[in-house]
């Protein structure tokens, strides 16, 4: 009987630990949306759900458009972004920012 209880408690512990690891703040999250403003290395992103989240970038943040490496200065208002990093409150410390592909030039659009 005692062995059964030990096995049950051990199994419960194995199930609870991964859930606790996922529940804490600071783990990697992804934010999808459109850049509503930019201030140097900080972006305000309006998400698909309508929330506004500050995305902070530093020297380690990778900014990409497709396979092209960019800088924080290349991010413009209106760009679609997918930012990934640690989310705390309504701020994301981005480890990577992926920009949407640029729209086709007006001259190339067939009428």
C-alpha atoms as a PDB file:
ATOM      1  CA  UNK A   1       0.000   0.000   0.000  1.00  0.00           C
ATOM      2  CA  UNK A   2       2.813   2.370   0.892  1.00  0.00           C
ATOM      3  CA  UNK A   3       4.534   1.735  -2.483  1.00  0.00           C
ATOM      4  CA  UNK A   4       1.334   2.616  -4.308  1.00  0.00           C
ATOM      5  CA  UNK A   5       1.117   5.990  -2.580  1.00  0.00           C
ATOM      6  CA  UNK A   6       4.764   6.732  -3.326  1.00  0.00           C
ATOM      7  CA  UNK A   7       4.182   5.900  -6.996  1.00  0.00           C
ATOM      8  CA  UNK A   8       1.064   8.113  -7.116  1.00  0.00           C
ATOM      9  CA  UNK A   9       2.879  11.051  -5.504  1.00  0.00           C
ATOM     10  CA  UNK A  10       5.874  10.650  -7.851  1.00  0.00           C
ATOM     11  CA  UNK A  11       3.586  10.536 -10.897  1.00  0.00           C
ATOM     12  CA  UNK A  12       1.710  13.634  -9.716  1.00  0.00           C
ATOM     13  CA  UNK A  13       5.029  15.454  -9.259  1.00  0.00           C
ATOM     14  CA  UNK A  14       6.103  14.560 -12.784  1.00  0.00           C
ATOM     15  CA  UNK A  15       2.856  15.968 -14.158  1.00  0.00           C
ATOM     16  CA  UNK A  16       2.933  19.191 -12.121  1.00  0.00           C
ATOM     17  CA  UNK A  17       6.542  20.311 -12.776  1.00  0.00           C
ATOM     18  CA  UNK A  18       6.170  20.888 -16.568  1.00  0.00           C
ATOM     19  CA  UNK A  19       2.925  22.798 -15.987  1.00  0.00           C
ATOM     20  CA  UNK A  20       4.669  25.118 -13.503  1.00  0.00           C
ATOM     21  CA  UNK A  21       7.517  25.730 -15.947  1.00  0.00           C
ATOM     22  CA  UNK A  22       5.070  26.863 -18.630  1.00  0.00           C
ATOM     23  CA  UNK A  23       3.045  29.052 -16.273  1.00  0.00           C
ATOM     24  CA  UNK A  24       5.748  31.558 -15.263  1.00  0.00           C
ATOM     25  CA  UNK A  25       6.332  34.950 -16.874  1.00  0.00           C
ATOM     26  CA  UNK A  26       9.401  35.437 -18.999  1.00  0.00           C
ATOM     27  CA  UNK A  27       9.101  32.400 -21.245  1.00  0.00           C
ATOM     28  CA  UNK A  28       9.163  32.823 -25.023  1.00  0.00           C
ATOM     29  CA  UNK A  29       5.996  34.229 -26.579  1.00  0.00           C
ATOM     30  CA  UNK A  30       5.127  35.378 -30.084  1.00  0.00           C
ATOM     31  CA  UNK A  31       3.378  38.653 -30.936  1.00  0.00           C
ATOM     32  CA  UNK A  32       1.794  39.126 -34.364  1.00  0.00           C
ATOM     33  CA  UNK A  33       0.568  42.488 -35.588  1.00  0.00           C
ATOM     34  CA  UNK A  34       1.273  45.778 -37.309  1.00  0.00           C
ATOM     35  CA  UNK A  35       3.788  48.433 -36.226  1.00  0.00           C
ATOM     36  CA  UNK A  36       1.791  51.473 -35.061  1.00  0.00           C
ATOM     37  CA  UNK A  37       4.827  53.552 -34.009  1.00  0.00           C
ATOM     38  CA  UNK A  38       8.574  53.233 -33.685  1.00  0.00           C
ATOM     39  CA  UNK A  39      11.076  55.028 -31.484  1.00  0.00           C
ATOM     40  CA  UNK A  40      14.627  53.906 -32.154  1.00  0.00           C
ATOM     41  CA  UNK A  41      14.761  50.347 -30.880  1.00  0.00           C
ATOM     42  CA  UNK A  42      11.242  50.203 -29.437  1.00  0.00           C
ATOM     43  CA  UNK A  43       8.141  49.356 -31.448  1.00  0.00           C
ATOM     44  CA  UNK A  44       4.487  49.669 -30.571  1.00  0.00           C
ATOM     45  CA  UNK A  45       2.678  46.745 -32.189  1.00  0.00           C
ATOM     46  CA  UNK A  46      -1.095  46.552 -32.548  1.00  0.00           C
ATOM     47  CA  UNK A  47      -1.896  42.864 -32.368  1.00  0.00           C
ATOM     48  CA  UNK A  48      -4.487  40.974 -34.332  1.00  0.00           C
ATOM     49  CA  UNK A  49      -6.648  40.990 -31.178  1.00  0.00           C
ATOM     50  CA  UNK A  50      -6.473  44.812 -30.997  1.00  0.00           C
ATOM     51  CA  UNK A  51      -4.093  45.056 -28.020  1.00  0.00           C
ATOM     52  CA  UNK A  52      -1.055  47.335 -28.179  1.00  0.00           C
ATOM     53  CA  UNK A  53       2.219  45.801 -26.998  1.00  0.00           C
ATOM     54  CA  UNK A  54       5.640  47.436 -26.747  1.00  0.00           C
ATOM     55  CA  UNK A  55       8.354  45.377 -28.454  1.00  0.00           C
ATOM     56  CA  UNK A  56      11.800  46.259 -27.186  1.00  0.00           C
ATOM     57  CA  UNK A  57      14.889  45.399 -29.228  1.00  0.00           C
ATOM     58  CA  UNK A  58      18.578  45.405 -28.328  1.00  0.00           C
ATOM     59  CA  UNK A  59      21.840  44.646 -30.132  1.00  0.00           C
ATOM     60  CA  UNK A  60      21.170  40.887 -29.895  1.00  0.00           C
ATOM     61  CA  UNK A  61      17.722  41.069 -31.530  1.00  0.00           C
ATOM     62  CA  UNK A  62      17.675  39.500 -35.004  1.00  0.00           C
ATOM     63  CA  UNK A  63      15.584  41.539 -37.472  1.00  0.00           C
ATOM     64  CA  UNK A  64      14.775  39.685 -40.707  1.00  0.00           C
ATOM     65  CA  UNK A  65      12.614  40.030 -43.821  1.00  0.00           C
ATOM     66  CA  UNK A  66      12.523  36.608 -45.453  1.00  0.00           C
ATOM     67  CA  UNK A  67      16.244  35.648 -45.425  1.00  0.00           C
ATOM     68  CA  UNK A  68      17.533  39.244 -45.494  1.00  0.00           C
ATOM     69  CA  UNK A  69      19.132  40.569 -42.284  1.00  0.00           C
ATOM     70  CA  UNK A  70      17.992  44.076 -41.360  1.00  0.00           C
ATOM     71  CA  UNK A  71      18.451  46.530 -38.498  1.00  0.00           C
ATOM     72  CA  UNK A  72      15.961  48.113 -36.098  1.00  0.00           C
ATOM     73  CA  UNK A  73      16.096  51.296 -38.204  1.00  0.00           C
ATOM     74  CA  UNK A  74      14.636  49.354 -41.162  1.00  0.00           C
ATOM     75  CA  UNK A  75      11.343  48.740 -39.318  1.00  0.00           C
ATOM     76  CA  UNK A  76       8.698  51.249 -40.429  1.00  0.00           C
ATOM     77  CA  UNK A  77       5.185  52.144 -39.282  1.00  0.00           C
ATOM     78  CA  UNK A  78       2.699  49.888 -41.080  1.00  0.00           C
ATOM     79  CA  UNK A  79       5.049  46.896 -41.340  1.00  0.00           C
ATOM     80  CA  UNK A  80       3.562  43.556 -40.401  1.00  0.00           C
ATOM     81  CA  UNK A  81       5.700  41.857 -37.750  1.00  0.00           C
ATOM     82  CA  UNK A  82       6.057  38.604 -35.868  1.00  0.00           C
ATOM     83  CA  UNK A  83       8.163  39.253 -32.765  1.00  0.00           C
ATOM     84  CA  UNK A  84       9.332  36.541 -30.397  1.00  0.00           C
ATOM     85  CA  UNK A  85      10.807  36.873 -26.923  1.00  0.00           C
ATOM     86  CA  UNK A  86      10.089  37.130 -23.214  1.00  0.00           C
ATOM     87  CA  UNK A  87       6.713  38.733 -22.443  1.00  0.00           C
ATOM     88  CA  UNK A  88       6.304  40.629 -19.177  1.00  0.00           C
ATOM     89  CA  UNK A  89       3.123  42.615 -18.587  1.00  0.00           C
ATOM     90  CA  UNK A  90       2.495  44.400 -21.902  1.00  0.00           C
ATOM     91  CA  UNK A  91       6.129  44.491 -23.060  1.00  0.00           C
ATOM     92  CA  UNK A  92       8.060  41.955 -25.116  1.00  0.00           C
ATOM     93  CA  UNK A  93      11.875  41.818 -25.040  1.00  0.00           C
ATOM     94  CA  UNK A  94      12.386  40.540 -28.565  1.00  0.00           C
ATOM     95  CA  UNK A  95      15.008  37.978 -29.476  1.00  0.00           C
ATOM     96  CA  UNK A  96      13.786  37.997 -33.087  1.00  0.00           C
ATOM     97  CA  UNK A  97      11.582  40.218 -35.242  1.00  0.00           C
ATOM     98  CA  UNK A  98      10.376  38.895 -38.587  1.00  0.00           C
ATOM     99  CA  UNK A  99       8.997  41.532 -40.978  1.00  0.00           C
ATOM    100  CA  UNK A 100       6.324  40.707 -43.521  1.00  0.00           C
ATOM    101  CA  UNK A 101       7.289  40.752 -47.171  1.00  0.00           C
ATOM    102  CA  UNK A 102       7.163  44.167 -48.816  1.00  0.00           C
ATOM    103  CA  UNK A 103       4.151  44.869 -51.039  1.00  0.00           C
ATOM    104  CA  UNK A 104       4.681  44.873 -54.800  1.00  0.00           C
ATOM    105  CA  UNK A 105       5.529  48.276 -56.324  1.00  0.00           C
ATOM    106  CA  UNK A 106       2.533  50.065 -57.876  1.00  0.00           C
ATOM    107  CA  UNK A 107       4.164  49.967 -61.357  1.00  0.00           C
ATOM    108  CA  UNK A 108       4.368  46.165 -61.243  1.00  0.00           C
ATOM    109  CA  UNK A 109       0.680  45.650 -60.406  1.00  0.00           C
ATOM    110  CA  UNK A 110      -1.349  44.645 -63.477  1.00  0.00           C
ATOM    111  CA  UNK A 111      -4.520  46.624 -64.171  1.00  0.00           C
END
